[in-house]
Amino acid sequence: LINDYAIIEPRPQLTNVSCMVVTICEADLKGLPTFLQSCPKLKYLVVGLDDYEEMPSEEMDRFTFSSAVPECMLSSLEFVDFNTDISGSAAEMKLAKYFLENSAILKKLTLQVKHDLTGYDIGIDFAKELFKIP
């Protein structure tokens, strides 16, 4: 749906939306900035990542978000909550980095970490990587 929204012209503006819950699959990640551009007053975003349509690993390695940063990320987005168990995938890392690197007034990014059966905390490596972001 997010990628379909990106090709609609003219794009409907969701100017009164301040809170949104979205579930996207990896294949739709590239359309997320365009979708967010239509929500200039978005303050709180809950994101669920669905692995229903995964991007091939070679494509994920090359994937980058567009350089145009949505207005909400510059002026209003304060809270992003990942409503998915973080497993350490490349898509999760790219999405978390995208919000951390581009949200000018972000106050809180919430991650739910998945624990595997061996007791190894996947979140430790994930957090270490995120803490490297200036």
N, C-alpha and C. Protein backbone atom coordinates (compact mmCIF):
# COMPACT_ATOMS: atom_id res chain seq x y z
N LEU A 1 0.82 -1.19 0.00
CA LEU A 1 0.00 0.00 0.00
C LEU A 1 0.87 1.26 0.00
N ILE A 2 1.97 1.25 0.77
CA ILE A 2 2.82 2.44 0.85
C ILE A 2 3.44 2.75 -0.50
N ASN A 3 3.93 1.74 -1.21
CA ASN A 3 4.50 1.98 -2.54
C ASN A 3 3.43 2.41 -3.53
N ASP A 4 2.20 1.89 -3.40
CA ASP A 4 1.10 2.33 -4.26
C ASP A 4 0.78 3.79 -4.00
N TYR A 5 0.82 4.19 -2.75
CA TYR A 5 0.55 5.58 -2.38
C TYR A 5 1.59 6.51 -3.01
N ALA A 6 2.81 6.04 -3.12
CA ALA A 6 3.90 6.86 -3.65
C ALA A 6 3.71 7.22 -5.11
N ILE A 7 2.92 6.45 -5.85
CA ILE A 7 2.75 6.75 -7.27
C ILE A 7 1.46 7.51 -7.57
N ILE A 8 0.63 7.76 -6.57
CA ILE A 8 -0.60 8.52 -6.77
C ILE A 8 -0.24 9.98 -6.99
N GLU A 9 -0.83 10.58 -8.01
CA GLU A 9 -0.64 12.01 -8.27
C GLU A 9 -2.00 12.65 -8.45
N PRO A 10 -2.32 13.76 -7.85
CA PRO A 10 -1.57 14.35 -6.74
C PRO A 10 -1.77 13.50 -5.49
N ARG A 11 -0.74 13.49 -4.66
CA ARG A 11 -0.77 12.71 -3.43
C ARG A 11 -1.65 13.40 -2.39
N PRO A 12 -2.59 12.66 -1.80
CA PRO A 12 -3.40 13.26 -0.73
C PRO A 12 -2.52 13.64 0.45
N GLN A 13 -2.78 14.78 1.05
CA GLN A 13 -2.03 15.23 2.21
C GLN A 13 -2.82 14.89 3.48
N LEU A 14 -2.14 14.30 4.42
CA LEU A 14 -2.75 13.93 5.71
C LEU A 14 -2.29 14.96 6.74
N THR A 15 -2.74 16.19 6.56
CA THR A 15 -2.21 17.31 7.34
C THR A 15 -2.63 17.32 8.80
N ASN A 16 -3.67 16.61 9.16
CA ASN A 16 -4.13 16.60 10.55
C ASN A 16 -3.71 15.35 11.32
N VAL A 17 -2.94 14.49 10.69
CA VAL A 17 -2.51 13.24 11.33
C VAL A 17 -1.30 13.51 12.21
N SER A 18 -1.43 13.22 13.50
CA SER A 18 -0.30 13.41 14.42
C SER A 18 0.22 12.09 14.98
N CYS A 19 -0.59 11.03 14.84
CA CYS A 19 -0.20 9.71 15.34
C CYS A 19 -0.59 8.68 14.28
N MET A 20 0.34 7.75 14.02
CA MET A 20 0.05 6.76 12.99
C MET A 20 0.71 5.43 13.34
N VAL A 21 0.01 4.35 13.01
CA VAL A 21 0.53 3.00 13.16
C VAL A 21 0.61 2.40 11.75
N VAL A 22 1.81 1.97 11.35
CA VAL A 22 1.98 1.36 10.03
C VAL A 22 2.72 0.03 10.18
N THR A 23 2.34 -0.91 9.35
CA THR A 23 3.08 -2.16 9.24
C THR A 23 3.52 -2.26 7.79
N ILE A 24 4.82 -2.39 7.60
CA ILE A 24 5.35 -2.45 6.24
C ILE A 24 6.25 -3.66 6.08
N CYS A 25 6.36 -4.11 4.86
CA CYS A 25 7.30 -5.20 4.57
C CYS A 25 8.55 -4.58 3.98
N GLU A 26 9.62 -5.33 3.96
CA GLU A 26 10.90 -4.82 3.47
C GLU A 26 10.78 -4.24 2.06
N ALA A 27 9.97 -4.87 1.23
CA ALA A 27 9.83 -4.42 -0.15
C ALA A 27 9.21 -3.03 -0.25
N ASP A 28 8.50 -2.59 0.79
CA ASP A 28 7.86 -1.28 0.79
C ASP A 28 8.70 -0.19 1.45
N LEU A 29 9.87 -0.52 1.97
CA LEU A 29 10.68 0.47 2.68
C LEU A 29 10.97 1.69 1.83
N LYS A 30 11.24 1.50 0.55
CA LYS A 30 11.62 2.63 -0.29
C LYS A 30 10.50 3.66 -0.43
N GLY A 31 9.25 3.26 -0.22
CA GLY A 31 8.13 4.18 -0.32
C GLY A 31 7.82 4.92 0.97
N LEU A 32 8.45 4.54 2.06
CA LEU A 32 8.15 5.15 3.36
C LEU A 32 8.40 6.66 3.40
N PRO A 33 9.54 7.18 2.91
CA PRO A 33 9.74 8.63 2.95
C PRO A 33 8.67 9.41 2.19
N THR A 34 8.25 8.90 1.04
CA THR A 34 7.20 9.56 0.25
C THR A 34 5.90 9.57 1.03
N PHE A 35 5.59 8.46 1.68
CA PHE A 35 4.37 8.38 2.48
C PHE A 35 4.44 9.36 3.65
N LEU A 36 5.57 9.41 4.34
CA LEU A 36 5.72 10.32 5.49
C LEU A 36 5.67 11.78 5.06
N GLN A 37 6.08 12.06 3.82
CA GLN A 37 6.04 13.44 3.32
C GLN A 37 4.61 13.98 3.32
N SER A 38 3.64 13.09 3.25
CA SER A 38 2.24 13.49 3.24
C SER A 38 1.67 13.73 4.63
N CYS A 39 2.50 13.55 5.66
CA CYS A 39 2.06 13.70 7.06
C CYS A 39 2.94 14.75 7.75
N PRO A 40 2.82 16.02 7.38
CA PRO A 40 3.75 17.04 7.89
C PRO A 40 3.68 17.30 9.39
N LYS A 41 2.58 16.91 10.05
CA LYS A 41 2.45 17.16 11.49
C LYS A 41 2.57 15.89 12.33
N LEU A 42 3.07 14.83 11.72
CA LEU A 42 3.19 13.56 12.43
C LEU A 42 4.15 13.70 13.61
N LYS A 43 3.66 13.31 14.78
CA LYS A 43 4.45 13.44 16.00
C LYS A 43 4.85 12.07 16.57
N TYR A 44 3.98 11.09 16.40
CA TYR A 44 4.19 9.76 16.99
C TYR A 44 3.96 8.70 15.92
N LEU A 45 4.95 7.86 15.69
CA LEU A 45 4.86 6.82 14.67
C LEU A 45 5.17 5.46 15.28
N VAL A 46 4.27 4.52 15.07
CA VAL A 46 4.49 3.13 15.48
C VAL A 46 4.72 2.34 14.19
N VAL A 47 5.86 1.68 14.10
CA VAL A 47 6.24 0.96 12.88
C VAL A 47 6.37 -0.53 13.17
N GLY A 48 5.68 -1.31 12.39
CA GLY A 48 5.83 -2.76 12.44
C GLY A 48 6.47 -3.22 11.15
N LEU A 49 7.47 -4.06 11.24
CA LEU A 49 8.11 -4.62 10.05
C LEU A 49 7.62 -6.04 9.86
N ASP A 50 7.09 -6.31 8.69
CA ASP A 50 6.57 -7.63 8.37
C ASP A 50 7.52 -8.30 7.39
N ASP A 51 7.88 -9.53 7.62
CA ASP A 51 8.80 -10.20 6.71
C ASP A 51 8.07 -10.96 5.61
N TYR A 52 6.80 -10.61 5.40
CA TYR A 52 6.00 -11.26 4.36
C TYR A 52 6.67 -11.15 2.99
N GLU A 53 7.15 -9.97 2.65
CA GLU A 53 7.80 -9.74 1.36
C GLU A 53 9.20 -9.22 1.63
N GLU A 54 10.14 -10.12 1.82
CA GLU A 54 11.51 -9.73 2.12
C GLU A 54 12.23 -9.29 0.85
N MET A 55 13.15 -8.35 1.03
CA MET A 55 14.00 -7.92 -0.06
C MET A 55 15.18 -8.90 -0.13
N PRO A 56 15.57 -9.33 -1.33
CA PRO A 56 16.75 -10.20 -1.42
C PRO A 56 17.95 -9.52 -0.77
N SER A 57 18.83 -10.29 -0.14
CA SER A 57 19.94 -9.70 0.63
C SER A 57 20.83 -8.82 -0.23
N GLU A 58 21.05 -9.17 -1.49
CA GLU A 58 21.89 -8.32 -2.35
C GLU A 58 21.23 -6.97 -2.58
N GLU A 59 19.91 -6.99 -2.76
CA GLU A 59 19.17 -5.74 -2.97
C GLU A 59 19.15 -4.92 -1.68
N MET A 60 19.00 -5.58 -0.53
CA MET A 60 19.00 -4.87 0.75
C MET A 60 20.36 -4.22 1.00
N ASP A 61 21.43 -4.89 0.62
CA ASP A 61 22.77 -4.32 0.79
C ASP A 61 22.92 -3.02 0.01
N ARG A 62 22.31 -2.94 -1.16
CA ARG A 62 22.41 -1.74 -2.01
C ARG A 62 21.36 -0.68 -1.67
N PHE A 63 20.34 -1.06 -0.91
CA PHE A 63 19.21 -0.18 -0.65
C PHE A 63 19.60 1.02 0.21
N THR A 64 19.13 2.20 -0.19
CA THR A 64 19.24 3.41 0.63
C THR A 64 17.92 4.16 0.51
N PHE A 65 17.59 4.91 1.55
CA PHE A 65 16.40 5.75 1.50
C PHE A 65 16.70 6.96 0.62
N SER A 66 15.66 7.57 0.08
CA SER A 66 15.88 8.76 -0.74
C SER A 66 16.51 9.86 0.11
N SER A 67 17.21 10.76 -0.54
CA SER A 67 17.91 11.81 0.19
C SER A 67 16.96 12.91 0.68
N ALA A 68 15.77 12.98 0.12
CA ALA A 68 14.79 13.97 0.56
C ALA A 68 14.18 13.52 1.89
N VAL A 69 14.38 14.32 2.92
CA VAL A 69 13.87 13.98 4.25
C VAL A 69 12.46 14.56 4.40
N PRO A 70 11.48 13.75 4.80
CA PRO A 70 10.11 14.24 4.98
C PRO A 70 10.05 15.37 6.00
N GLU A 71 9.14 16.30 5.76
CA GLU A 71 8.99 17.47 6.63
C GLU A 71 8.75 17.09 8.08
N CYS A 72 7.95 16.05 8.32
CA CYS A 72 7.65 15.67 9.70
C CYS A 72 8.91 15.28 10.46
N MET A 73 9.89 14.70 9.77
CA MET A 73 11.13 14.29 10.43
C MET A 73 12.00 15.48 10.79
N LEU A 74 11.77 16.59 10.13
CA LEU A 74 12.53 17.81 10.42
C LEU A 74 11.85 18.69 11.46
N SER A 75 10.51 18.59 11.56
CA SER A 75 9.81 19.57 12.39
C SER A 75 8.88 19.02 13.47
N SER A 76 8.40 17.79 13.36
CA SER A 76 7.39 17.37 14.34
C SER A 76 7.56 15.97 14.92
N LEU A 77 8.23 15.06 14.23
CA LEU A 77 8.30 13.67 14.69
C LEU A 77 9.18 13.55 15.93
N GLU A 78 8.55 13.21 17.05
CA GLU A 78 9.26 13.13 18.33
C GLU A 78 9.43 11.70 18.84
N PHE A 79 8.52 10.81 18.45
CA PHE A 79 8.53 9.45 19.00
C PHE A 79 8.34 8.42 17.88
N VAL A 80 9.23 7.44 17.85
CA VAL A 80 9.10 6.31 16.92
C VAL A 80 9.19 5.04 17.76
N ASP A 81 8.21 4.19 17.59
CA ASP A 81 8.14 2.94 18.35
C ASP A 81 8.13 1.78 17.36
N PHE A 82 9.15 0.93 17.43
CA PHE A 82 9.18 -0.27 16.59
C PHE A 82 8.28 -1.30 17.25
N ASN A 83 7.17 -1.60 16.62
CA ASN A 83 6.21 -2.55 17.15
C ASN A 83 6.48 -3.93 16.55
N THR A 84 7.72 -4.35 16.67
CA THR A 84 8.15 -5.64 16.15
C THR A 84 9.33 -6.10 16.98
N ASP A 85 9.49 -7.38 17.13
CA ASP A 85 10.65 -7.88 17.87
C ASP A 85 11.88 -7.74 16.99
N ILE A 86 12.84 -6.95 17.41
CA ILE A 86 14.06 -6.72 16.65
C ILE A 86 14.89 -8.00 16.65
N SER A 87 15.19 -8.47 15.44
CA SER A 87 15.97 -9.70 15.32
C SER A 87 17.37 -9.43 14.79
N GLY A 88 17.66 -8.17 14.48
CA GLY A 88 18.98 -7.81 13.99
C GLY A 88 19.11 -7.83 12.48
N SER A 89 17.99 -7.82 11.77
CA SER A 89 18.04 -7.87 10.30
C SER A 89 18.56 -6.56 9.72
N ALA A 90 19.03 -6.63 8.49
CA ALA A 90 19.54 -5.44 7.80
C ALA A 90 18.43 -4.41 7.62
N ALA A 91 17.21 -4.85 7.35
CA ALA A 91 16.10 -3.93 7.16
C ALA A 91 15.81 -3.16 8.45
N GLU A 92 15.81 -3.86 9.58
CA GLU A 92 15.57 -3.20 10.87
C GLU A 92 16.65 -2.17 11.15
N MET A 93 17.90 -2.53 10.88
CA MET A 93 19.01 -1.62 11.13
C MET A 93 18.91 -0.38 10.24
N LYS A 94 18.62 -0.58 8.97
CA LYS A 94 18.53 0.56 8.06
C LYS A 94 17.38 1.48 8.46
N LEU A 95 16.27 0.91 8.88
CA LEU A 95 15.12 1.72 9.27
C LEU A 95 15.42 2.50 10.56
N ALA A 96 16.01 1.85 11.55
CA ALA A 96 16.36 2.53 12.80
C ALA A 96 17.37 3.65 12.53
N LYS A 97 18.38 3.37 11.73
CA LYS A 97 19.39 4.39 11.39
C LYS A 97 18.75 5.56 10.65
N TYR A 98 17.81 5.26 9.76
CA TYR A 98 17.14 6.31 9.00
C TYR A 98 16.47 7.31 9.94
N PHE A 99 15.74 6.80 10.93
CA PHE A 99 15.08 7.70 11.87
C PHE A 99 16.08 8.44 12.75
N LEU A 100 17.09 7.75 13.23
CA LEU A 100 18.09 8.40 14.10
C LEU A 100 18.90 9.46 13.36
N GLU A 101 19.24 9.21 12.13
CA GLU A 101 20.08 10.14 11.38
C GLU A 101 19.31 11.32 10.79
N ASN A 102 18.00 11.19 10.61
CA ASN A 102 17.25 12.22 9.89
C ASN A 102 16.17 12.93 10.69
N SER A 103 15.83 12.44 11.87
CA SER A 103 14.77 13.08 12.66
C SER A 103 15.38 14.14 13.56
N ALA A 104 15.17 15.38 13.19
CA ALA A 104 15.82 16.50 13.87
C ALA A 104 15.41 16.67 15.32
N ILE A 105 14.16 16.36 15.65
CA ILE A 105 13.71 16.59 17.03
C ILE A 105 13.26 15.30 17.72
N LEU A 106 13.72 14.17 17.22
CA LEU A 106 13.35 12.88 17.81
C LEU A 106 13.76 12.83 19.27
N LYS A 107 12.79 12.54 20.13
CA LYS A 107 13.06 12.43 21.57
C LYS A 107 13.27 10.98 22.00
N LYS A 108 12.57 10.06 21.32
CA LYS A 108 12.64 8.68 21.78
C LYS A 108 12.40 7.71 20.62
N LEU A 109 13.30 6.73 20.51
CA LEU A 109 13.15 5.62 19.58
C LEU A 109 13.07 4.36 20.44
N THR A 110 11.95 3.67 20.38
CA THR A 110 11.74 2.48 21.21
C THR A 110 11.87 1.22 20.36
N LEU A 111 12.70 0.31 20.84
CA LEU A 111 12.92 -0.97 20.16
C LEU A 111 12.56 -2.10 21.11
N GLN A 112 11.93 -3.13 20.58
CA GLN A 112 11.64 -4.34 21.34
C GLN A 112 12.60 -5.41 20.84
N VAL A 113 13.43 -5.91 21.70
CA VAL A 113 14.48 -6.83 21.29
C VAL A 113 14.02 -8.28 21.43
N LYS A 114 14.28 -9.05 20.39
CA LYS A 114 13.95 -10.47 20.39
C LYS A 114 15.11 -11.24 21.04
N HIS A 115 14.79 -12.12 21.94
CA HIS A 115 15.80 -12.97 22.57
C HIS A 115 15.72 -14.35 21.93
N ASP A 116 16.85 -14.88 21.50
CA ASP A 116 16.80 -16.21 20.90
C ASP A 116 16.87 -17.29 21.97
N LEU A 117 16.69 -18.51 21.56
CA LEU A 117 16.59 -19.62 22.51
C LEU A 117 17.90 -19.93 23.23
N THR A 118 19.02 -19.46 22.72
CA THR A 118 20.31 -19.73 23.37
C THR A 118 20.56 -18.75 24.51
N GLY A 119 19.68 -17.75 24.63
CA GLY A 119 19.87 -16.75 25.68
C GLY A 119 20.69 -15.57 25.21
N TYR A 120 21.20 -15.63 23.97
CA TYR A 120 21.99 -14.52 23.44
C TYR A 120 21.07 -13.34 23.16
N ASP A 121 21.44 -12.20 23.65
CA ASP A 121 20.64 -11.00 23.48
C ASP A 121 21.05 -10.30 22.18
N ILE A 122 20.24 -10.47 21.16
CA ILE A 122 20.49 -9.87 19.85
C ILE A 122 20.58 -8.36 19.97
N GLY A 123 19.85 -7.80 20.91
CA GLY A 123 19.81 -6.35 21.08
C GLY A 123 21.15 -5.73 21.42
N ILE A 124 22.05 -6.47 22.02
CA ILE A 124 23.35 -5.92 22.40
C ILE A 124 24.11 -5.47 21.16
N ASP A 125 24.24 -6.35 20.17
CA ASP A 125 24.94 -5.99 18.94
C ASP A 125 24.19 -4.90 18.18
N PHE A 126 22.88 -5.00 18.17
CA PHE A 126 22.06 -4.01 17.47
C PHE A 126 22.26 -2.64 18.10
N ALA A 127 22.19 -2.58 19.43
CA ALA A 127 22.37 -1.32 20.14
C ALA A 127 23.78 -0.76 19.94
N LYS A 128 24.79 -1.61 19.97
CA LYS A 128 26.16 -1.14 19.75
C LYS A 128 26.29 -0.45 18.40
N GLU A 129 25.66 -1.04 17.40
CA GLU A 129 25.70 -0.45 16.05
C GLU A 129 24.97 0.90 16.02
N LEU A 130 23.83 0.97 16.69
CA LEU A 130 23.08 2.23 16.72
C LEU A 130 23.81 3.31 17.50
N PHE A 131 24.52 2.93 18.54
CA PHE A 131 25.25 3.92 19.34
C PHE A 131 26.41 4.54 18.58
N LYS A 132 26.81 3.94 17.49
CA LYS A 132 27.88 4.50 16.66
C LYS A 132 27.41 5.71 15.84
N ILE A 133 26.10 5.88 15.75
CA ILE A 133 25.54 6.99 14.97
C ILE A 133 25.75 8.29 15.73
N PRO A 134 26.35 9.29 15.06
CA PRO A 134 26.61 10.57 15.75
C PRO A 134 25.34 11.32 16.10
